[in-house]
Structure formats: structure tokens, C-alpha cells
Amino acid sequence: MTPVFAISRISGWCAHIIEEKFAEAQEKPALYRPEAEYIGNYCGAVGCTYEPIAARG
């Protein structure tokens, strides 16, 4: 029973990784939890810049 469970979990993880890797084909990646609402500022796949923790206010 354990190998069947492991195979199903691994295939789900692989599907999740593939979806994340190729999500840049969409304008804005879809939420994995449809009922969740993203409240942050979306700056695109490559538009974000890193701000050090000390500089954040």
C-alpha cells in the first residue's frame, strides 16, 4: 500500500512543479487555492526587486 501512496504523491508533486515552472506563459499565475485572494502587489514574473529586511518599513 505504501508504494501506491508514494507514487501518487510524487506524480502530484511533479505536476505542481511543472505547473509552477511553465506558469510564466500566463499573464498572471493562477492561485492554487481558488478561494484565496492575493492581497499583495503583483509585479510580474521578473519585475520584482529585492529589498533588504533592514530597509523595509
Protein backbone atom coordinates (compact mmCIF):
# COMPACT_ATOMS: atom_id res chain seq x y z
CA MET A 1 0.00 0.00 0.00
CA THR A 2 2.86 2.41 0.77
CA PRO A 3 4.37 2.32 -2.76
CA VAL A 4 1.00 3.13 -4.32
CA PHE A 5 0.61 6.10 -1.98
CA ALA A 6 4.17 7.30 -2.69
CA ILE A 7 3.75 7.05 -6.47
CA SER A 8 0.54 9.07 -6.38
CA ARG A 9 2.11 11.76 -4.18
CA ILE A 10 5.24 12.03 -6.33
CA SER A 11 3.19 12.41 -9.51
CA GLY A 12 1.19 15.20 -7.84
CA TRP A 13 4.38 16.97 -6.73
CA CYS A 14 5.82 16.70 -10.24
CA ALA A 15 2.63 18.15 -11.73
CA HIS A 16 2.82 21.03 -9.25
CA ILE A 17 6.47 21.77 -10.15
CA ILE A 18 5.72 21.65 -13.88
CA GLU A 19 2.77 24.00 -13.41
CA GLU A 20 4.93 26.48 -11.47
CA LYS A 21 7.78 26.31 -13.99
CA PHE A 22 5.60 27.00 -17.01
CA ALA A 23 3.16 29.44 -15.33
CA GLU A 24 5.05 32.31 -16.97
CA ALA A 25 3.13 31.50 -20.15
CA GLN A 26 0.11 33.11 -18.45
CA GLU A 27 -0.19 36.84 -17.84
CA LYS A 28 -0.66 36.28 -14.11
CA PRO A 29 -0.23 32.87 -12.48
CA ALA A 30 -3.46 31.39 -11.17
CA LEU A 31 -3.89 30.78 -7.46
CA TYR A 32 -3.60 27.15 -6.41
CA ARG A 33 -6.38 27.75 -3.88
CA PRO A 34 -9.26 29.24 -5.87
CA GLU A 35 -11.00 30.62 -2.78
CA ALA A 36 -7.86 32.50 -1.66
CA GLU A 37 -7.41 36.16 -2.51
CA TYR A 38 -3.94 37.59 -3.10
CA ILE A 39 -3.75 40.97 -1.36
CA GLY A 40 -0.12 41.86 -2.14
CA ASN A 41 1.26 43.90 -5.00
CA TYR A 42 1.82 41.77 -8.09
CA CYS A 43 4.87 42.96 -10.01
CA GLY A 44 5.10 40.25 -12.65
CA ALA A 45 7.34 37.25 -13.04
CA VAL A 46 10.56 39.26 -13.40
CA GLY A 47 9.56 42.74 -12.25
CA CYS A 48 10.19 42.33 -8.52
CA THR A 49 13.28 43.75 -6.86
CA TYR A 50 14.79 42.55 -3.60
CA GLU A 51 14.65 44.94 -0.68
CA PRO A 52 16.80 44.09 2.35
CA ILE A 53 14.92 43.48 5.60
CA ALA A 54 16.64 46.44 7.28
CA ALA A 55 15.34 48.78 4.56
CA ARG A 56 11.75 47.57 4.77
CA GLY A 57 9.42 49.75 6.74
